Amino acid sequence: MFKLFVSFLKDADLIGCEIIAIDGTKSRAHNSRKANFNKKKIERYLVYIEERTQEYLAELAKNDLQDNSFTISTITEKNRAIKKK
């Protein structure tokens, strides 16, 4: 969702897109190696996020191709049985 919002802002010419990062809320101040970010870390993390997103979308597409035995009638029947119980 964040990626789509940034694309919208970029298309509307509202941001310069040099470096975009968001900060979490309600976090304590700390500066460990894992907690701080530089441009190289952000770029690696963006690649990781993109790969994971593509894997997730591929899994969704694969799931959509499988035969799902649920139909509206079977769901309605199960719903009636649950209400009856």
PDB file of N, CA and C in Angstrom:
ATOM      1  N   MET A   1       0.829  -1.179   0.000  1.00  0.00           N
ATOM      2  CA  MET A   1       0.000   0.000   0.000  1.00  0.00           C
ATOM      3  C   MET A   1       0.876   1.245   0.000  1.00  0.00           C
ATOM      4  N   PHE A   2       1.937   1.201   0.817  1.00  0.00           N
ATOM      5  CA  PHE A   2       2.835   2.339   0.877  1.00  0.00           C
ATOM      6  C   PHE A   2       3.456   2.599  -0.487  1.00  0.00           C
ATOM      7  N   LYS A   3       3.838   1.531  -1.181  1.00  0.00           N
ATOM      8  CA  LYS A   3       4.463   1.671  -2.492  1.00  0.00           C
ATOM      9  C   LYS A   3       3.506   2.336  -3.483  1.00  0.00           C
ATOM     10  N   LEU A   4       2.226   1.941  -3.457  1.00  0.00           N
ATOM     11  CA  LEU A   4       1.239   2.555  -4.340  1.00  0.00           C
ATOM     12  C   LEU A   4       1.027   4.029  -3.999  1.00  0.00           C
ATOM     13  N   PHE A   5       1.018   4.348  -2.710  1.00  0.00           N
ATOM     14  CA  PHE A   5       0.842   5.732  -2.288  1.00  0.00           C
ATOM     15  C   PHE A   5       2.019   6.591  -2.744  1.00  0.00           C
ATOM     16  N   VAL A   6       3.231   6.056  -2.621  1.00  0.00           N
ATOM     17  CA  VAL A   6       4.412   6.796  -3.076  1.00  0.00           C
ATOM     18  C   VAL A   6       4.349   7.003  -4.589  1.00  0.00           C
ATOM     19  N   SER A   7       3.902   5.976  -5.329  1.00  0.00           N
ATOM     20  CA  SER A   7       3.748   6.127  -6.784  1.00  0.00           C
ATOM     21  C   SER A   7       2.751   7.230  -7.117  1.00  0.00           C
ATOM     22  N   PHE A   8       1.656   7.281  -6.363  1.00  0.00           N
ATOM     23  CA  PHE A   8       0.655   8.330  -6.561  1.00  0.00           C
ATOM     24  C   PHE A   8       1.265   9.713  -6.318  1.00  0.00           C
ATOM     25  N   LEU A   9       1.992   9.858  -5.218  1.00  0.00           N
ATOM     26  CA  LEU A   9       2.613  11.149  -4.899  1.00  0.00           C
ATOM     27  C   LEU A   9       3.645  11.542  -5.951  1.00  0.00           C
ATOM     28  N   LYS A  10       4.383  10.553  -6.432  1.00  0.00           N
ATOM     29  CA  LYS A  10       5.389  10.811  -7.466  1.00  0.00           C
ATOM     30  C   LYS A  10       4.721  11.267  -8.757  1.00  0.00           C
ATOM     31  N   ASP A  11       3.647  10.581  -9.169  1.00  0.00           N
ATOM     32  CA  ASP A  11       2.921  10.954 -10.394  1.00  0.00           C
ATOM     33  C   ASP A  11       2.287  12.333 -10.281  1.00  0.00           C
ATOM     34  N   ALA A  12       1.870  12.703  -9.069  1.00  0.00           N
ATOM     35  CA  ALA A  12       1.258  14.008  -8.851  1.00  0.00           C
ATOM     36  C   ALA A  12       2.313  15.091  -8.663  1.00  0.00           C
ATOM     37  N   ASP A  13       3.582  14.723  -8.765  1.00  0.00           N
ATOM     38  CA  ASP A  13       4.699  15.662  -8.628  1.00  0.00           C
ATOM     39  C   ASP A  13       4.707  16.335  -7.257  1.00  0.00           C
ATOM     40  N   LEU A  14       4.371  15.561  -6.212  1.00  0.00           N
ATOM     41  CA  LEU A  14       4.327  16.102  -4.862  1.00  0.00           C
ATOM     42  C   LEU A  14       5.575  15.754  -4.043  1.00  0.00           C
ATOM     43  N   ILE A  15       6.374  14.801  -4.537  1.00  0.00           N
ATOM     44  CA  ILE A  15       7.612  14.446  -3.845  1.00  0.00           C
ATOM     45  C   ILE A  15       8.734  14.348  -4.855  1.00  0.00           C
ATOM     46  N   GLY A  16       9.973  14.505  -4.355  1.00  0.00           N
ATOM     47  CA  GLY A  16      11.139  14.484  -5.229  1.00  0.00           C
ATOM     48  C   GLY A  16      11.723  13.106  -5.446  1.00  0.00           C
ATOM     49  N   CYS A  17      11.393  12.149  -4.582  1.00  0.00           N
ATOM     50  CA  CYS A  17      11.838  10.756  -4.695  1.00  0.00           C
ATOM     51  C   CYS A  17      13.354  10.591  -4.638  1.00  0.00           C
ATOM     52  N   GLU A  18      14.004  11.388  -3.798  1.00  0.00           N
ATOM     53  CA  GLU A  18      15.441  11.170  -3.619  1.00  0.00           C
ATOM     54  C   GLU A  18      15.655   9.967  -2.703  1.00  0.00           C
ATOM     55  N   ILE A  19      15.187  10.056  -1.469  1.00  0.00           N
ATOM     56  CA  ILE A  19      15.190   8.922  -0.537  1.00  0.00           C
ATOM     57  C   ILE A  19      13.888   8.995   0.242  1.00  0.00           C
ATOM     58  N   ILE A  20      13.180   7.874   0.299  1.00  0.00           N
ATOM     59  CA  ILE A  20      11.920   7.833   1.028  1.00  0.00           C
ATOM     60  C   ILE A  20      12.057   6.784   2.113  1.00  0.00           C
ATOM     61  N   ALA A  21      11.792   7.184   3.351  1.00  0.00           N
ATOM     62  CA  ALA A  21      11.813   6.255   4.472  1.00  0.00           C
ATOM     63  C   ALA A  21      10.764   6.706   5.462  1.00  0.00           C
ATOM     64  N   ILE A  22      10.177   5.740   6.157  1.00  0.00           N
ATOM     65  CA  ILE A  22       9.197   6.095   7.175  1.00  0.00           C
ATOM     66  C   ILE A  22       9.720   5.639   8.524  1.00  0.00           C
ATOM     67  N   ASP A  23       9.276   6.308   9.537  1.00  0.00           N
ATOM     68  CA  ASP A  23       9.720   5.999  10.886  1.00  0.00           C
ATOM     69  C   ASP A  23       8.553   5.407  11.659  1.00  0.00           C
ATOM     70  N   GLY A  24       8.804   4.389  12.427  1.00  0.00           N
ATOM     71  CA  GLY A  24       7.762   3.782  13.248  1.00  0.00           C
ATOM     72  C   GLY A  24       7.380   4.696  14.397  1.00  0.00           C
ATOM     73  N   THR A  25       6.242   4.464  14.961  1.00  0.00           N
ATOM     74  CA  THR A  25       5.799   5.266  16.095  1.00  0.00           C
ATOM     75  C   THR A  25       6.056   4.520  17.385  1.00  0.00           C
ATOM     76  N   LYS A  26       6.091   5.244  18.468  1.00  0.00           N
ATOM     77  CA  LYS A  26       6.250   4.678  19.809  1.00  0.00           C
ATOM     78  C   LYS A  26       7.488   3.794  19.909  1.00  0.00           C
ATOM     79  N   SER A  27       8.604   4.277  19.409  1.00  0.00           N
ATOM     80  CA  SER A  27       9.829   3.506  19.513  1.00  0.00           C
ATOM     81  C   SER A  27      10.804   4.223  20.441  1.00  0.00           C
ATOM     82  N   ARG A  28      11.594   3.432  21.132  1.00  0.00           N
ATOM     83  CA  ARG A  28      12.611   3.997  22.010  1.00  0.00           C
ATOM     84  C   ARG A  28      13.820   4.387  21.171  1.00  0.00           C
ATOM     85  N   ALA A  29      14.547   5.353  21.653  1.00  0.00           N
ATOM     86  CA  ALA A  29      15.757   5.777  20.950  1.00  0.00           C
ATOM     87  C   ALA A  29      16.844   4.723  21.133  1.00  0.00           C
ATOM     88  N   HIS A  30      17.402   4.251  20.046  1.00  0.00           N
ATOM     89  CA  HIS A  30      18.519   3.330  20.076  1.00  0.00           C
ATOM     90  C   HIS A  30      19.241   3.406  18.743  1.00  0.00           C
ATOM     91  N   ASN A  31      20.512   3.083  18.751  1.00  0.00           N
ATOM     92  CA  ASN A  31      21.299   3.217  17.535  1.00  0.00           C
ATOM     93  C   ASN A  31      22.224   2.015  17.365  1.00  0.00           C
ATOM     94  N   SER A  32      21.650   0.847  17.392  1.00  0.00           N
ATOM     95  CA  SER A  32      22.454  -0.354  17.168  1.00  0.00           C
ATOM     96  C   SER A  32      22.663  -0.529  15.663  1.00  0.00           C
ATOM     97  N   ARG A  33      23.511  -1.467  15.298  1.00  0.00           N
ATOM     98  CA  ARG A  33      23.780  -1.702  13.873  1.00  0.00           C
ATOM     99  C   ARG A  33      22.500  -2.122  13.123  1.00  0.00           C
ATOM    100  N   LYS A  34      21.634  -2.870  13.815  1.00  0.00           N
ATOM    101  CA  LYS A  34      20.393  -3.314  13.177  1.00  0.00           C
ATOM    102  C   LYS A  34      19.365  -2.200  13.074  1.00  0.00           C
ATOM    103  N   ALA A  35      19.453  -1.200  13.948  1.00  0.00           N
ATOM    104  CA  ALA A  35      18.411  -0.182  14.031  1.00  0.00           C
ATOM    105  C   ALA A  35      18.654   1.026  13.138  1.00  0.00           C
ATOM    106  N   ASN A  36      19.892   1.263  12.735  1.00  0.00           N
ATOM    107  CA  ASN A  36      20.121   2.444  11.902  1.00  0.00           C
ATOM    108  C   ASN A  36      20.181   2.053  10.433  1.00  0.00           C
ATOM    109  N   PHE A  37      19.893   2.986   9.575  1.00  0.00           N
ATOM    110  CA  PHE A  37      19.828   2.715   8.142  1.00  0.00           C
ATOM    111  C   PHE A  37      20.655   3.729   7.375  1.00  0.00           C
ATOM    112  N   ASN A  38      21.276   3.259   6.335  1.00  0.00           N
ATOM    113  CA  ASN A  38      21.933   4.143   5.389  1.00  0.00           C
ATOM    114  C   ASN A  38      21.375   3.818   4.008  1.00  0.00           C
ATOM    115  N   LYS A  39      21.833   4.529   3.016  1.00  0.00           N
ATOM    116  CA  LYS A  39      21.281   4.350   1.668  1.00  0.00           C
ATOM    117  C   LYS A  39      21.457   2.916   1.167  1.00  0.00           C
ATOM    118  N   LYS A  40      22.609   2.312   1.422  1.00  0.00           N
ATOM    119  CA  LYS A  40      22.882   0.949   0.950  1.00  0.00           C
ATOM    120  C   LYS A  40      21.939  -0.053   1.613  1.00  0.00           C
ATOM    121  N   LYS A  41      21.731   0.079   2.937  1.00  0.00           N
ATOM    122  CA  LYS A  41      20.818  -0.823   3.643  1.00  0.00           C
ATOM    123  C   LYS A  41      19.392  -0.675   3.138  1.00  0.00           C
ATOM    124  N   ILE A  42      18.971   0.551   2.896  1.00  0.00           N
ATOM    125  CA  ILE A  42      17.613   0.788   2.399  1.00  0.00           C
ATOM    126  C   ILE A  42      17.435   0.159   1.027  1.00  0.00           C
ATOM    127  N   GLU A  43      18.438   0.315   0.151  1.00  0.00           N
ATOM    128  CA  GLU A  43      18.349  -0.279  -1.190  1.00  0.00           C
ATOM    129  C   GLU A  43      18.262  -1.796  -1.116  1.00  0.00           C
ATOM    130  N   ARG A  44      19.068  -2.425  -0.240  1.00  0.00           N
ATOM    131  CA  ARG A  44      19.003  -3.881  -0.084  1.00  0.00           C
ATOM    132  C   ARG A  44      17.655  -4.317   0.456  1.00  0.00           C
ATOM    133  N   TYR A  45      17.142  -3.557   1.402  1.00  0.00           N
ATOM    134  CA  TYR A  45      15.843  -3.893   1.994  1.00  0.00           C
ATOM    135  C   TYR A  45      14.725  -3.744   0.970  1.00  0.00           C
ATOM    136  N   LEU A  46      14.802  -2.719   0.117  1.00  0.00           N
ATOM    137  CA  LEU A  46      13.790  -2.548  -0.937  1.00  0.00           C
ATOM    138  C   LEU A  46      13.817  -3.719  -1.916  1.00  0.00           C
ATOM    139  N   VAL A  47      15.004  -4.204  -2.252  1.00  0.00           N
ATOM    140  CA  VAL A  47      15.114  -5.374  -3.132  1.00  0.00           C
ATOM    141  C   VAL A  47      14.475  -6.582  -2.446  1.00  0.00           C
ATOM    142  N   TYR A  48      14.774  -6.763  -1.148  1.00  0.00           N
ATOM    143  CA  TYR A  48      14.197  -7.873  -0.384  1.00  0.00           C
ATOM    144  C   TYR A  48      12.670  -7.781  -0.358  1.00  0.00           C
ATOM    145  N   ILE A  49      12.133  -6.590  -0.098  1.00  0.00           N
ATOM    146  CA  ILE A  49      10.680  -6.398  -0.056  1.00  0.00           C
ATOM    147  C   ILE A  49      10.067  -6.702  -1.419  1.00  0.00           C
ATOM    148  N   GLU A  50      10.698  -6.247  -2.477  1.00  0.00           N
ATOM    149  CA  GLU A  50      10.173  -6.493  -3.826  1.00  0.00           C
ATOM    150  C   GLU A  50      10.154  -7.989  -4.133  1.00  0.00           C
ATOM    151  N   GLU A  51      11.229  -8.708  -3.763  1.00  0.00           N
ATOM    152  CA  GLU A  51      11.279 -10.153  -3.989  1.00  0.00           C
ATOM    153  C   GLU A  51      10.184 -10.866  -3.212  1.00  0.00           C
ATOM    154  N   ARG A  52      10.020 -10.519  -1.943  1.00  0.00           N
ATOM    155  CA  ARG A  52       8.983 -11.142  -1.115  1.00  0.00           C
ATOM    156  C   ARG A  52       7.589 -10.834  -1.645  1.00  0.00           C
ATOM    157  N   THR A  53       7.381  -9.613  -2.125  1.00  0.00           N
ATOM    158  CA  THR A  53       6.089  -9.234  -2.687  1.00  0.00           C
ATOM    159  C   THR A  53       5.790 -10.065  -3.925  1.00  0.00           C
ATOM    160  N   GLN A  54       6.788 -10.233  -4.793  1.00  0.00           N
ATOM    161  CA  GLN A  54       6.597 -11.024  -6.008  1.00  0.00           C
ATOM    162  C   GLN A  54       6.324 -12.490  -5.667  1.00  0.00           C
ATOM    163  N   GLU A  55       7.022 -13.024  -4.655  1.00  0.00           N
ATOM    164  CA  GLU A  55       6.757 -14.401  -4.226  1.00  0.00           C
ATOM    165  C   GLU A  55       5.323 -14.543  -3.726  1.00  0.00           C
ATOM    166  N   TYR A  56       4.880 -13.565  -2.952  1.00  0.00           N
ATOM    167  CA  TYR A  56       3.521 -13.591  -2.410  1.00  0.00           C
ATOM    168  C   TYR A  56       2.490 -13.524  -3.536  1.00  0.00           C
ATOM    169  N   LEU A  57       2.705 -12.624  -4.497  1.00  0.00           N
ATOM    170  CA  LEU A  57       1.764 -12.502  -5.613  1.00  0.00           C
ATOM    171  C   LEU A  57       1.756 -13.761  -6.473  1.00  0.00           C
ATOM    172  N   ALA A  58       2.920 -14.381  -6.650  1.00  0.00           N
ATOM    173  CA  ALA A  58       2.989 -15.639  -7.407  1.00  0.00           C
ATOM    174  C   ALA A  58       2.224 -16.737  -6.678  1.00  0.00           C
ATOM    175  N   GLU A  59       2.358 -16.777  -5.365  1.00  0.00           N
ATOM    176  CA  GLU A  59       1.628 -17.768  -4.561  1.00  0.00           C
ATOM    177  C   GLU A  59       0.113 -17.545  -4.672  1.00  0.00           C
ATOM    178  N   LEU A  60      -0.303 -16.275  -4.651  1.00  0.00           N
ATOM    179  CA  LEU A  60      -1.726 -15.969  -4.817  1.00  0.00           C
ATOM    180  C   LEU A  60      -2.228 -16.416  -6.194  1.00  0.00           C
ATOM    181  N   ALA A  61      -1.441 -16.142  -7.227  1.00  0.00           N
ATOM    182  CA  ALA A  61      -1.831 -16.543  -8.580  1.00  0.00           C
ATOM    183  C   ALA A  61      -1.917 -18.062  -8.683  1.00  0.00           C
ATOM    184  N   LYS A  62      -0.946 -18.755  -8.076  1.00  0.00           N
ATOM    185  CA  LYS A  62      -0.952 -20.220  -8.075  1.00  0.00           C
ATOM    186  C   LYS A  62      -2.202 -20.739  -7.364  1.00  0.00           C
ATOM    187  N   ASN A  63      -2.560 -20.127  -6.257  1.00  0.00           N
ATOM    188  CA  ASN A  63      -3.736 -20.525  -5.505  1.00  0.00           C
ATOM    189  C   ASN A  63      -5.014 -20.279  -6.309  1.00  0.00           C
ATOM    190  N   ASP A  64      -5.040 -19.192  -7.063  1.00  0.00           N
ATOM    191  CA  ASP A  64      -6.217 -18.886  -7.883  1.00  0.00           C
ATOM    192  C   ASP A  64      -6.436 -19.929  -8.976  1.00  0.00           C
ATOM    193  N   LEU A  65      -5.356 -20.546  -9.452  1.00  0.00           N
ATOM    194  CA  LEU A  65      -5.475 -21.539 -10.515  1.00  0.00           C
ATOM    195  C   LEU A  65      -5.962 -22.890 -10.003  1.00  0.00           C
ATOM    196  N   GLN A  66      -5.795 -23.139  -8.702  1.00  0.00           N
ATOM    197  CA  GLN A  66      -6.236 -24.410  -8.140  1.00  0.00           C
ATOM    198  C   GLN A  66      -7.750 -24.476  -8.104  1.00  0.00           C
ATOM    199  N   ASP A  67      -8.258 -25.698  -8.203  1.00  0.00           N
ATOM    200  CA  ASP A  67      -9.697 -25.908  -8.163  1.00  0.00           C
ATOM    201  C   ASP A  67     -10.190 -25.752  -6.734  1.00  0.00           C
ATOM    202  N   ASN A  68     -10.972 -24.722  -6.497  1.00  0.00           N
ATOM    203  CA  ASN A  68     -11.561 -24.523  -5.177  1.00  0.00           C
ATOM    204  C   ASN A  68     -12.953 -25.126  -5.183  1.00  0.00           C
ATOM    205  N   SER A  69     -13.152 -26.097  -4.309  1.00  0.00           N
ATOM    206  CA  SER A  69     -14.412 -26.834  -4.314  1.00  0.00           C
ATOM    207  C   SER A  69     -15.545 -26.072  -3.643  1.00  0.00           C
ATOM    208  N   PHE A  70     -15.257 -24.908  -3.091  1.00  0.00           N
ATOM    209  CA  PHE A  70     -16.306 -24.139  -2.438  1.00  0.00           C
ATOM    210  C   PHE A  70     -17.134 -23.383  -3.468  1.00  0.00           C
ATOM    211  N   THR A  71     -18.431 -23.511  -3.329  1.00  0.00           N
ATOM    212  CA  THR A  71     -19.349 -22.734  -4.152  1.00  0.00           C
ATOM    213  C   THR A  71     -20.251 -21.971  -3.197  1.00  0.00           C
ATOM    214  N   ILE A  72     -21.034 -21.093  -3.749  1.00  0.00           N
ATOM    215  CA  ILE A  72     -21.953 -20.308  -2.911  1.00  0.00           C
ATOM    216  C   ILE A  72     -22.910 -21.241  -2.169  1.00  0.00           C
ATOM    217  N   SER A  73     -23.376 -22.291  -2.845  1.00  0.00           N
ATOM    218  CA  SER A  73     -24.339 -23.187  -2.195  1.00  0.00           C
ATOM    219  C   SER A  73     -23.710 -23.944  -1.034  1.00  0.00           C
ATOM    220  N   THR A  74     -22.467 -24.415  -1.192  1.00  0.00           N
ATOM    221  CA  THR A  74     -21.837 -25.138  -0.086  1.00  0.00           C
ATOM    222  C   THR A  74     -21.542 -24.203   1.078  1.00  0.00           C
ATOM    223  N   ILE A  75     -21.164 -22.996   0.782  1.00  0.00           N
ATOM    224  CA  ILE A  75     -20.921 -22.021   1.852  1.00  0.00           C
ATOM    225  C   ILE A  75     -22.227 -21.693   2.556  1.00  0.00           C
ATOM    226  N   THR A  76     -23.307 -21.524   1.786  1.00  0.00           N
ATOM    227  CA  THR A  76     -24.610 -21.233   2.377  1.00  0.00           C
ATOM    228  C   THR A  76     -25.064 -22.386   3.265  1.00  0.00           C
ATOM    229  N   GLU A  77     -24.861 -23.629   2.791  1.00  0.00           N
ATOM    230  CA  GLU A  77     -25.228 -24.796   3.590  1.00  0.00           C
ATOM    231  C   GLU A  77     -24.437 -24.849   4.899  1.00  0.00           C
ATOM    232  N   LYS A  78     -23.162 -24.582   4.836  1.00  0.00           N
ATOM    233  CA  LYS A  78     -22.331 -24.590   6.037  1.00  0.00           C
ATOM    234  C   LYS A  78     -22.760 -23.471   6.983  1.00  0.00           C
ATOM    235  N   ASN A  79     -23.107 -22.325   6.426  1.00  0.00           N
ATOM    236  CA  ASN A  79     -23.573 -21.200   7.234  1.00  0.00           C
ATOM    237  C   ASN A  79     -24.865 -21.557   7.965  1.00  0.00           C
ATOM    238  N   ARG A  80     -25.787 -22.226   7.276  1.00  0.00           N
ATOM    239  CA  ARG A  80     -27.043 -22.669   7.896  1.00  0.00           C
ATOM    240  C   ARG A  80     -26.770 -23.658   9.015  1.00  0.00           C
ATOM    241  N   ALA A  81     -25.873 -24.588   8.787  1.00  0.00           N
ATOM    242  CA  ALA A  81     -25.542 -25.582   9.805  1.00  0.00           C
ATOM    243  C   ALA A  81     -24.945 -24.917  11.055  1.00  0.00           C
ATOM    244  N   ILE A  82     -24.101 -23.925  10.837  1.00  0.00           N
ATOM    245  CA  ILE A  82     -23.504 -23.210  11.972  1.00  0.00           C
ATOM    246  C   ILE A  82     -24.565 -22.454  12.739  1.00  0.00           C
ATOM    247  N   LYS A  83     -25.475 -21.799  12.021  1.00  0.00           N
ATOM    248  CA  LYS A  83     -26.556 -21.061  12.684  1.00  0.00           C
ATOM    249  C   LYS A  83     -27.475 -22.007  13.456  1.00  0.00           C
ATOM    250  N   LYS A  84     -27.715 -23.191  12.888  1.00  0.00           N
ATOM    251  CA  LYS A  84     -28.584 -24.168  13.529  1.00  0.00           C
ATOM    252  C   LYS A  84     -27.965 -24.655  14.846  1.00  0.00           C
ATOM    253  N   LYS A  85     -26.645 -24.869  14.839  1.00  0.00           N
ATOM    254  CA  LYS A  85     -25.945 -25.322  16.052  1.00  0.00           C
ATOM    255  C   LYS A  85     -25.997 -24.242  17.109  1.00  0.00           C
TER     256      LYS A  85
END
